[in-house]
Amino acid sequence: ASLDTGAFDTFALGDGMYSDALLADLGSDIDGSFGSVPWAE
């Protein structure tokens, strides 16, 4: 809805937003957005 209305174009995402499905649905439309997710190295 933010993209459709031009309300926001940059998004800071919590861990619940990290998924391949999100990229499959929105792709490069959310380039430049960023976030955090529990991970390990």
PDB file of all heavy atoms in Angstrom:
ATOM      1  N   ALA A   1       0.828  -1.211   0.000  1.00  0.00           N
ATOM      2  CA  ALA A   1       0.000   0.000   0.000  1.00  0.00           C
ATOM      3  C   ALA A   1       0.858   1.255   0.000  1.00  0.00           C
ATOM      4  O   ALA A   1       0.509   2.267  -0.636  1.00  0.00           O
ATOM      5  CB  ALA A   1      -0.931  -0.007   1.215  1.00  0.00           C
ATOM      6  N   SER A   2       1.988   1.212   0.690  1.00  0.00           N
ATOM      7  CA  SER A   2       2.902   2.358   0.699  1.00  0.00           C
ATOM      8  C   SER A   2       3.474   2.616  -0.683  1.00  0.00           C
ATOM      9  O   SER A   2       3.582   3.769  -1.129  1.00  0.00           O
ATOM     10  CB  SER A   2       4.038   2.112   1.702  1.00  0.00           C
ATOM     11  OG  SER A   2       3.555   2.010   3.019  1.00  0.00           O
ATOM     12  N   LEU A   3       3.851   1.547  -1.368  1.00  0.00           N
ATOM     13  CA  LEU A   3       4.395   1.684  -2.719  1.00  0.00           C
ATOM     14  C   LEU A   3       3.325   2.174  -3.690  1.00  0.00           C
ATOM     15  O   LEU A   3       3.579   3.031  -4.550  1.00  0.00           O
ATOM     16  CB  LEU A   3       4.959   0.346  -3.192  1.00  0.00           C
ATOM     17  CG  LEU A   3       6.174  -0.196  -2.427  1.00  0.00           C
ATOM     18  CD1 LEU A   3       6.492  -1.622  -2.875  1.00  0.00           C
ATOM     19  CD2 LEU A   3       7.389   0.704  -2.623  1.00  0.00           C
ATOM     20  N   ASP A   4       2.118   1.637  -3.549  1.00  0.00           N
ATOM     21  CA  ASP A   4       1.032   2.009  -4.465  1.00  0.00           C
ATOM     22  C   ASP A   4       0.660   3.484  -4.356  1.00  0.00           C
ATOM     23  O   ASP A   4       0.304   4.123  -5.353  1.00  0.00           O
ATOM     24  CB  ASP A   4      -0.208   1.161  -4.178  1.00  0.00           C
ATOM     25  CG  ASP A   4      -0.030  -0.293  -4.575  1.00  0.00           C
ATOM     26  OD1 ASP A   4       0.916  -0.591  -5.321  1.00  0.00           O
ATOM     27  OD2 ASP A   4      -0.838  -1.136  -4.110  1.00  0.00           O
ATOM     28  N   THR A   5       0.747   4.016  -3.132  1.00  0.00           N
ATOM     29  CA  THR A   5       0.349   5.409  -2.903  1.00  0.00           C
ATOM     30  C   THR A   5       1.520   6.378  -2.908  1.00  0.00           C
ATOM     31  O   THR A   5       1.322   7.593  -2.866  1.00  0.00           O
ATOM     32  CB  THR A   5      -0.377   5.529  -1.553  1.00  0.00           C
ATOM     33  OG1 THR A   5       0.504   5.120  -0.499  1.00  0.00           O
ATOM     34  CG2 THR A   5      -1.628   4.657  -1.525  1.00  0.00           C
ATOM     35  N   GLY A   6       2.739   5.849  -2.943  1.00  0.00           N
ATOM     36  CA  GLY A   6       3.917   6.708  -2.878  1.00  0.00           C
ATOM     37  C   GLY A   6       4.172   7.271  -1.491  1.00  0.00           C
ATOM     38  O   GLY A   6       4.945   8.224  -1.332  1.00  0.00           O
ATOM     39  N   ALA A   7       3.568   6.650  -0.472  1.00  0.00           N
ATOM     40  CA  ALA A   7       3.702   7.162   0.895  1.00  0.00           C
ATOM     41  C   ALA A   7       5.116   6.993   1.419  1.00  0.00           C
ATOM     42  O   ALA A   7       5.675   7.902   2.057  1.00  0.00           O
ATOM     43  CB  ALA A   7       2.712   6.446   1.810  1.00  0.00           C
ATOM     44  N   PHE A   8       5.714   5.825   1.199  1.00  0.00           N
ATOM     45  CA  PHE A   8       7.086   5.529   1.627  1.00  0.00           C
ATOM     46  C   PHE A   8       7.740   4.686   0.543  1.00  0.00           C
ATOM     47  O   PHE A   8       7.071   3.897  -0.134  1.00  0.00           O
ATOM     48  CB  PHE A   8       7.115   4.749   2.950  1.00  0.00           C
ATOM     49  CG  PHE A   8       6.545   5.478   4.128  1.00  0.00           C
ATOM     50  CD1 PHE A   8       5.211   5.312   4.478  1.00  0.00           C
ATOM     51  CD2 PHE A   8       7.341   6.332   4.887  1.00  0.00           C
ATOM     52  CE1 PHE A   8       4.674   5.970   5.568  1.00  0.00           C
ATOM     53  CE2 PHE A   8       6.812   7.007   5.978  1.00  0.00           C
ATOM     54  CZ  PHE A   8       5.474   6.828   6.317  1.00  0.00           C
ATOM     55  N   ASP A   9       9.045   4.849   0.417  1.00  0.00           N
ATOM     56  CA  ASP A   9       9.766   3.996  -0.531  1.00  0.00           C
ATOM     57  C   ASP A   9      10.959   3.307   0.110  1.00  0.00           C
ATOM     58  O   ASP A   9      11.658   2.523  -0.542  1.00  0.00           O
ATOM     59  CB  ASP A   9      10.218   4.788  -1.760  1.00  0.00           C
ATOM     60  CG  ASP A   9      11.115   5.969  -1.411  1.00  0.00           C
ATOM     61  OD1 ASP A   9      11.556   6.083  -0.245  1.00  0.00           O
ATOM     62  OD2 ASP A   9      11.363   6.795  -2.308  1.00  0.00           O
ATOM     63  N   THR A  10      11.202   3.590   1.394  1.00  0.00           N
ATOM     64  CA  THR A  10      12.277   2.936   2.133  1.00  0.00           C
ATOM     65  C   THR A  10      11.683   2.302   3.381  1.00  0.00           C
ATOM     66  O   THR A  10      10.952   2.956   4.131  1.00  0.00           O
ATOM     67  CB  THR A  10      13.373   3.932   2.537  1.00  0.00           C
ATOM     68  OG1 THR A  10      13.908   4.539   1.360  1.00  0.00           O
ATOM     69  CG2 THR A  10      14.498   3.227   3.295  1.00  0.00           C
ATOM     70  N   PHE A  11      12.031   1.021   3.613  1.00  0.00           N
ATOM     71  CA  PHE A  11      11.431   0.275   4.710  1.00  0.00           C
ATOM     72  C   PHE A  11      12.521  -0.380   5.561  1.00  0.00           C
ATOM     73  O   PHE A  11      13.466  -0.976   5.028  1.00  0.00           O
ATOM     74  CB  PHE A  11      10.487  -0.796   4.159  1.00  0.00           C
ATOM     75  CG  PHE A  11       9.455  -0.230   3.229  1.00  0.00           C
ATOM     76  CD1 PHE A  11       9.675  -0.213   1.849  1.00  0.00           C
ATOM     77  CD2 PHE A  11       8.289   0.336   3.716  1.00  0.00           C
ATOM     78  CE1 PHE A  11       8.739   0.325   0.979  1.00  0.00           C
ATOM     79  CE2 PHE A  11       7.344   0.887   2.851  1.00  0.00           C
ATOM     80  CZ  PHE A  11       7.572   0.886   1.479  1.00  0.00           C
ATOM     81  N   ALA A  12      12.368  -0.249   6.870  1.00  0.00           N
ATOM     82  CA  ALA A  12      13.239  -0.939   7.825  1.00  0.00           C
ATOM     83  C   ALA A  12      12.451  -2.124   8.361  1.00  0.00           C
ATOM     84  O   ALA A  12      11.362  -1.953   8.919  1.00  0.00           O
ATOM     85  CB  ALA A  12      13.645   0.001   8.958  1.00  0.00           C
ATOM     86  N   LEU A  13      12.973  -3.327   8.196  1.00  0.00           N
ATOM     87  CA  LEU A  13      12.191  -4.544   8.393  1.00  0.00           C
ATOM     88  C   LEU A  13      12.661  -5.348   9.602  1.00  0.00           C
ATOM     89  O   LEU A  13      13.865  -5.549   9.801  1.00  0.00           O
ATOM     90  CB  LEU A  13      12.289  -5.416   7.143  1.00  0.00           C
ATOM     91  CG  LEU A  13      11.975  -4.717   5.818  1.00  0.00           C
ATOM     92  CD1 LEU A  13      12.196  -5.678   4.655  1.00  0.00           C
ATOM     93  CD2 LEU A  13      10.545  -4.183   5.812  1.00  0.00           C
ATOM     94  N   GLY A  14      11.692  -5.817  10.389  1.00  0.00           N
ATOM     95  CA  GLY A  14      11.986  -6.742  11.469  1.00  0.00           C
ATOM     96  C   GLY A  14      12.101  -8.157  10.954  1.00  0.00           C
ATOM     97  O   GLY A  14      11.877  -8.440   9.771  1.00  0.00           O
ATOM     98  N   ASP A  15      12.434  -9.090  11.843  1.00  0.00           N
ATOM     99  CA  ASP A  15      12.734 -10.459  11.440  1.00  0.00           C
ATOM    100  C   ASP A  15      11.565 -11.175  10.774  1.00  0.00           C
ATOM    101  O   ASP A  15      11.757 -12.024   9.909  1.00  0.00           O
ATOM    102  CB  ASP A  15      13.214 -11.273  12.646  1.00  0.00           C
ATOM    103  CG  ASP A  15      12.188 -11.278  13.783  1.00  0.00           C
ATOM    104  OD1 ASP A  15      11.790 -10.185  14.222  1.00  0.00           O
ATOM    105  OD2 ASP A  15      11.801 -12.361  14.245  1.00  0.00           O
ATOM    106  N   GLY A  16      10.323 -10.829  11.152  1.00  0.00           N
ATOM    107  CA  GLY A  16       9.164 -11.474  10.554  1.00  0.00           C
ATOM    108  C   GLY A  16       8.965 -11.145   9.093  1.00  0.00           C
ATOM    109  O   GLY A  16       8.160 -11.788   8.411  1.00  0.00           O
ATOM    110  N   MET A  17       9.694 -10.145   8.594  1.00  0.00           N
ATOM    111  CA  MET A  17       9.571  -9.731   7.202  1.00  0.00           C
ATOM    112  C   MET A  17      10.619 -10.373   6.298  1.00  0.00           C
ATOM    113  O   MET A  17      10.590 -10.186   5.082  1.00  0.00           O
ATOM    114  CB  MET A  17       9.688  -8.203   7.104  1.00  0.00           C
ATOM    115  CG  MET A  17       8.608  -7.450   7.843  1.00  0.00           C
ATOM    116  SD  MET A  17       6.950  -7.859   7.264  1.00  0.00           S
ATOM    117  CE  MET A  17       7.062  -7.328   5.554  1.00  0.00           C
ATOM    118  N   TYR A  18      11.547 -11.118   6.883  1.00  0.00           N
ATOM    119  CA  TYR A  18      12.611 -11.714   6.075  1.00  0.00           C
ATOM    120  C   TYR A  18      12.113 -13.016   5.465  1.00  0.00           C
ATOM    121  O   TYR A  18      11.938 -14.017   6.162  1.00  0.00           O
ATOM    122  CB  TYR A  18      13.851 -11.985   6.938  1.00  0.00           C
ATOM    123  CG  TYR A  18      15.021 -12.514   6.147  1.00  0.00           C
ATOM    124  CD1 TYR A  18      15.982 -11.645   5.649  1.00  0.00           C
ATOM    125  CD2 TYR A  18      15.157 -13.874   5.871  1.00  0.00           C
ATOM    126  CE1 TYR A  18      17.051 -12.129   4.905  1.00  0.00           C
ATOM    127  CE2 TYR A  18      16.215 -14.365   5.132  1.00  0.00           C
ATOM    128  CZ  TYR A  18      17.160 -13.475   4.654  1.00  0.00           C
ATOM    129  OH  TYR A  18      18.218 -13.958   3.905  1.00  0.00           O
ATOM    130  N   SER A  19      11.884 -13.006   4.162  1.00  0.00           N
ATOM    131  CA  SER A  19      11.486 -14.244   3.482  1.00  0.00           C
ATOM    132  C   SER A  19      11.693 -14.105   1.983  1.00  0.00           C
ATOM    133  O   SER A  19      11.590 -13.009   1.419  1.00  0.00           O
ATOM    134  CB  SER A  19      10.018 -14.586   3.770  1.00  0.00           C
ATOM    135  OG  SER A  19       9.145 -13.821   2.975  1.00  0.00           O
ATOM    136  N   ASP A  20      11.966 -15.232   1.352  1.00  0.00           N
ATOM    137  CA  ASP A  20      12.104 -15.245  -0.107  1.00  0.00           C
ATOM    138  C   ASP A  20      10.780 -14.879  -0.771  1.00  0.00           C
ATOM    139  O   ASP A  20      10.755 -14.315  -1.866  1.00  0.00           O
ATOM    140  CB  ASP A  20      12.555 -16.628  -0.575  1.00  0.00           C
ATOM    141  CG  ASP A  20      13.987 -16.942  -0.173  1.00  0.00           C
ATOM    142  OD1 ASP A  20      14.756 -15.993   0.084  1.00  0.00           O
ATOM    143  OD2 ASP A  20      14.331 -18.136  -0.092  1.00  0.00           O
ATOM    144  N   ALA A  21       9.666 -15.201  -0.096  1.00  0.00           N
ATOM    145  CA  ALA A  21       8.352 -14.890  -0.668  1.00  0.00           C
ATOM    146  C   ALA A  21       8.155 -13.384  -0.810  1.00  0.00           C
ATOM    147  O   ALA A  21       7.532 -12.921  -1.778  1.00  0.00           O
ATOM    148  CB  ALA A  21       7.251 -15.484   0.214  1.00  0.00           C
ATOM    149  N   LEU A  22       8.682 -12.612   0.144  1.00  0.00           N
ATOM    150  CA  LEU A  22       8.561 -11.159   0.055  1.00  0.00           C
ATOM    151  C   LEU A  22       9.303 -10.641  -1.175  1.00  0.00           C
ATOM    152  O   LEU A  22       8.789  -9.785  -1.907  1.00  0.00           O
ATOM    153  CB  LEU A  22       9.119 -10.502   1.319  1.00  0.00           C
ATOM    154  CG  LEU A  22       8.963  -8.984   1.396  1.00  0.00           C
ATOM    155  CD1 LEU A  22       7.511  -8.608   1.639  1.00  0.00           C
ATOM    156  CD2 LEU A  22       9.841  -8.407   2.517  1.00  0.00           C
ATOM    157  N   LEU A  23      10.492 -11.163  -1.409  1.00  0.00           N
ATOM    158  CA  LEU A  23      11.253 -10.742  -2.585  1.00  0.00           C
ATOM    159  C   LEU A  23      10.562 -11.189  -3.867  1.00  0.00           C
ATOM    160  O   LEU A  23      10.552 -10.463  -4.864  1.00  0.00           O
ATOM    161  CB  LEU A  23      12.665 -11.319  -2.528  1.00  0.00           C
ATOM    162  CG  LEU A  23      13.570 -10.830  -1.391  1.00  0.00           C
ATOM    163  CD1 LEU A  23      14.966 -11.402  -1.565  1.00  0.00           C
ATOM    164  CD2 LEU A  23      13.620  -9.310  -1.346  1.00  0.00           C
ATOM    165  N   ALA A  24       9.997 -12.391  -3.840  1.00  0.00           N
ATOM    166  CA  ALA A  24       9.297 -12.887  -5.031  1.00  0.00           C
ATOM    167  C   ALA A  24       8.107 -11.997  -5.378  1.00  0.00           C
ATOM    168  O   ALA A  24       7.813 -11.765  -6.553  1.00  0.00           O
ATOM    169  CB  ALA A  24       8.839 -14.321  -4.803  1.00  0.00           C
ATOM    170  N   ASP A  25       7.444 -11.461  -4.346  1.00  0.00           N
ATOM    171  CA  ASP A  25       6.246 -10.646  -4.585  1.00  0.00           C
ATOM    172  C   ASP A  25       6.581  -9.192  -4.910  1.00  0.00           C
ATOM    173  O   ASP A  25       5.914  -8.571  -5.740  1.00  0.00           O
ATOM    174  CB  ASP A  25       5.343 -10.679  -3.353  1.00  0.00           C
ATOM    175  CG  ASP A  25       4.687 -12.034  -3.158  1.00  0.00           C
ATOM    176  OD1 ASP A  25       4.626 -12.804  -4.135  1.00  0.00           O
ATOM    177  OD2 ASP A  25       4.244 -12.325  -2.033  1.00  0.00           O
ATOM    178  N   LEU A  26       7.619  -8.652  -4.263  1.00  0.00           N
ATOM    179  CA  LEU A  26       7.895  -7.214  -4.403  1.00  0.00           C
ATOM    180  C   LEU A  26       9.204  -6.906  -5.123  1.00  0.00           C
ATOM    181  O   LEU A  26       9.376  -5.815  -5.658  1.00  0.00           O
ATOM    182  CB  LEU A  26       7.889  -6.550  -3.021  1.00  0.00           C
ATOM    183  CG  LEU A  26       6.576  -6.664  -2.237  1.00  0.00           C
ATOM    184  CD1 LEU A  26       6.704  -5.985  -0.881  1.00  0.00           C
ATOM    185  CD2 LEU A  26       5.420  -6.058  -3.024  1.00  0.00           C
ATOM    186  N   GLY A  27      10.125  -7.839  -5.102  1.00  0.00           N
ATOM    187  CA  GLY A  27      11.360  -7.722  -5.869  1.00  0.00           C
ATOM    188  C   GLY A  27      12.099  -6.413  -5.702  1.00  0.00           C
ATOM    189  O   GLY A  27      12.258  -5.889  -4.606  1.00  0.00           O
ATOM    190  N   SER A  28      12.521  -5.859  -6.831  1.00  0.00           N
ATOM    191  CA  SER A  28      13.348  -4.654  -6.805  1.00  0.00           C
ATOM    192  C   SER A  28      12.574  -3.409  -6.391  1.00  0.00           C
ATOM    193  O   SER A  28      13.171  -2.348  -6.189  1.00  0.00           O
ATOM    194  CB  SER A  28      13.991  -4.431  -8.176  1.00  0.00           C
ATOM    195  OG  SER A  28      13.001  -4.312  -9.180  1.00  0.00           O
ATOM    196  N   ASP A  29      11.255  -3.527  -6.221  1.00  0.00           N
ATOM    197  CA  ASP A  29      10.478  -2.374  -5.755  1.00  0.00           C
ATOM    198  C   ASP A  29      10.901  -1.936  -4.359  1.00  0.00           C
ATOM    199  O   ASP A  29      10.653  -0.791  -3.964  1.00  0.00           O
ATOM    200  CB  ASP A  29       8.975  -2.705  -5.734  1.00  0.00           C
ATOM    201  CG  ASP A  29       8.387  -2.806  -7.131  1.00  0.00           C
ATOM    202  OD1 ASP A  29       9.041  -2.335  -8.082  1.00  0.00           O
ATOM    203  OD2 ASP A  29       7.275  -3.348  -7.274  1.00  0.00           O
ATOM    204  N   ILE A  30      11.500  -2.847  -3.608  1.00  0.00           N
ATOM    205  CA  ILE A  30      11.930  -2.488  -2.248  1.00  0.00           C
ATOM    206  C   ILE A  30      13.450  -2.444  -2.132  1.00  0.00           C
ATOM    207  O   ILE A  30      14.002  -2.545  -1.034  1.00  0.00           O
ATOM    208  CB  ILE A  30      11.324  -3.436  -1.199  1.00  0.00           C
ATOM    209  CG1 ILE A  30      11.572  -4.902  -1.557  1.00  0.00           C
ATOM    210  CG2 ILE A  30       9.832  -3.170  -1.035  1.00  0.00           C
ATOM    211  CD1 ILE A  30      11.098  -5.871  -0.465  1.00  0.00           C
ATOM    212  N   ASP A  31      14.134  -2.297  -3.269  1.00  0.00           N
ATOM    213  CA  ASP A  31      15.581  -2.084  -3.223  1.00  0.00           C
ATOM    214  C   ASP A  31      15.903  -0.875  -2.338  1.00  0.00           C
ATOM    215  O   ASP A  31      15.196   0.141  -2.383  1.00  0.00           O
ATOM    216  CB  ASP A  31      16.129  -1.835  -4.629  1.00  0.00           C
ATOM    217  CG  ASP A  31      16.403  -3.126  -5.380  1.00  0.00           C
ATOM    218  OD1 ASP A  31      16.186  -4.215  -4.807  1.00  0.00           O
ATOM    219  OD2 ASP A  31      16.823  -3.054  -6.553  1.00  0.00           O
ATOM    220  N   GLY A  32      16.962  -0.996  -1.564  1.00  0.00           N
ATOM    221  CA  GLY A  32      17.359   0.074  -0.663  1.00  0.00           C
ATOM    222  C   GLY A  32      16.772  -0.077   0.724  1.00  0.00           C
ATOM    223  O   GLY A  32      17.204   0.592   1.664  1.00  0.00           O
ATOM    224  N   SER A  33      15.784  -0.959   0.866  1.00  0.00           N
ATOM    225  CA  SER A  33      15.258  -1.260   2.194  1.00  0.00           C
ATOM    226  C   SER A  33      16.230  -2.195   2.906  1.00  0.00           C
ATOM    227  O   SER A  33      17.117  -2.788   2.293  1.00  0.00           O
ATOM    228  CB  SER A  33      13.865  -1.884   2.084  1.00  0.00           C
ATOM    229  OG  SER A  33      12.960  -0.953   1.522  1.00  0.00           O
ATOM    230  N   PHE A  34      16.047  -2.365   4.190  1.00  0.00           N
ATOM    231  CA  PHE A  34      17.045  -3.087   4.997  1.00  0.00           C
ATOM    232  C   PHE A  34      16.362  -3.620   6.249  1.00  0.00           C
ATOM    233  O   PHE A  34      15.209  -3.287   6.544  1.00  0.00           O
ATOM    234  CB  PHE A  34      18.201  -2.153   5.365  1.00  0.00           C
ATOM    235  CG  PHE A  34      17.736  -0.875   6.019  1.00  0.00           C
ATOM    236  CD1 PHE A  34      17.614  -0.776   7.397  1.00  0.00           C
ATOM    237  CD2 PHE A  34      17.381   0.230   5.243  1.00  0.00           C
ATOM    238  CE1 PHE A  34      17.155   0.392   7.995  1.00  0.00           C
ATOM    239  CE2 PHE A  34      16.930   1.408   5.833  1.00  0.00           C
ATOM    240  CZ  PHE A  34      16.820   1.492   7.213  1.00  0.00           C
ATOM    241  N   GLY A  35      17.093  -4.456   6.994  1.00  0.00           N
ATOM    242  CA  GLY A  35      16.485  -4.981   8.201  1.00  0.00           C
ATOM    243  C   GLY A  35      17.418  -5.850   9.006  1.00  0.00           C
ATOM    244  O   GLY A  35      18.619  -5.953   8.726  1.00  0.00           O
ATOM    245  N   SER A  36      16.837  -6.484  10.022  1.00  0.00           N
ATOM    246  CA  SER A  36      17.586  -7.360  10.917  1.00  0.00           C
ATOM    247  C   SER A  36      16.853  -8.685  11.055  1.00  0.00           C
ATOM    248  O   SER A  36      15.624  -8.738  10.985  1.00  0.00           O
ATOM    249  CB  SER A  36      17.728  -6.705  12.299  1.00  0.00           C
ATOM    250  OG  SER A  36      16.457  -6.406  12.861  1.00  0.00           O
ATOM    251  N   VAL A  37      17.605  -9.755  11.246  1.00  0.00           N
ATOM    252  CA  VAL A  37      17.030 -11.073  11.450  1.00  0.00           C
ATOM    253  C   VAL A  37      18.037 -11.893  12.249  1.00  0.00           C
ATOM    254  O   VAL A  37      19.249 -11.807  12.008  1.00  0.00           O
ATOM    255  CB  VAL A  37      16.711 -11.759  10.094  1.00  0.00           C
ATOM    256  CG1 VAL A  37      17.962 -11.952   9.245  1.00  0.00           C
ATOM    257  CG2 VAL A  37      15.967 -13.071  10.304  1.00  0.00           C
ATOM    258  N   PRO A  38      17.598 -12.660  13.258  1.00  0.00           N
ATOM    259  CA  PRO A  38      18.540 -13.522  13.975  1.00  0.00           C
ATOM    260  C   PRO A  38      19.275 -14.423  12.993  1.00  0.00           C
ATOM    261  O   PRO A  38      18.669 -15.034  12.120  1.00  0.00           O
ATOM    262  CB  PRO A  38      17.631 -14.329  14.905  1.00  0.00           C
ATOM    263  CG  PRO A  38      16.474 -13.420  15.166  1.00  0.00           C
ATOM    264  CD  PRO A  38      16.238 -12.728  13.840  1.00  0.00           C
ATOM    265  N   TRP A  39      20.565 -14.506  13.143  1.00  0.00           N
ATOM    266  CA  TRP A  39      21.404 -15.239  12.188  1.00  0.00           C
ATOM    267  C   TRP A  39      22.669 -15.649  12.899  1.00  0.00           C
ATOM    268  O   TRP A  39      22.896 -15.292  14.055  1.00  0.00           O
ATOM    269  CB  TRP A  39      21.722 -14.337  10.992  1.00  0.00           C
ATOM    270  CG  TRP A  39      21.880 -15.031   9.673  1.00  0.00           C
ATOM    271  CD1 TRP A  39      23.030 -15.482   9.103  1.00  0.00           C
ATOM    272  CD2 TRP A  39      20.832 -15.327   8.741  1.00  0.00           C
ATOM    273  NE1 TRP A  39      22.764 -16.037   7.883  1.00  0.00           N
ATOM    274  CE2 TRP A  39      21.424 -15.961   7.636  1.00  0.00           C
ATOM    275  CE3 TRP A  39      19.458 -15.122   8.734  1.00  0.00           C
ATOM    276  CZ2 TRP A  39      20.690 -16.389   6.536  1.00  0.00           C
ATOM    277  CZ3 TRP A  39      18.727 -15.542   7.646  1.00  0.00           C
ATOM    278  CH2 TRP A  39      19.343 -16.173   6.567  1.00  0.00           C
ATOM    279  N   ALA A  40      23.508 -16.364  12.220  1.00  0.00           N
ATOM    280  CA  ALA A  40      24.791 -16.755  12.789  1.00  0.00           C
ATOM    281  C   ALA A  40      25.815 -16.847  11.684  1.00  0.00           C
ATOM    282  O   ALA A  40      25.484 -17.047  10.513  1.00  0.00           O
ATOM    283  CB  ALA A  40      24.669 -18.104  13.504  1.00  0.00           C
ATOM    284  N   GLU A  41      27.061 -16.685  12.063  1.00  0.00           N
ATOM    285  CA  GLU A  41      28.173 -16.879  11.136  1.00  0.00           C
ATOM    286  C   GLU A  41      29.222 -17.723  11.831  1.00  0.00           C
ATOM    287  O   GLU A  41      29.181 -17.929  13.049  1.00  0.00           O
ATOM    288  CB  GLU A  41      28.753 -15.530  10.707  1.00  0.00           C
ATOM    289  CG  GLU A  41      29.288 -14.694  11.843  1.00  0.00           C
ATOM    290  CD  GLU A  41      29.906 -13.385  11.378  1.00  0.00           C
ATOM    291  OE1 GLU A  41      30.229 -13.285  10.184  1.00  0.00           O
ATOM    292  OE2 GLU A  41      30.079 -12.493  12.215  1.00  0.00           O
TER     293      GLU A  41
END
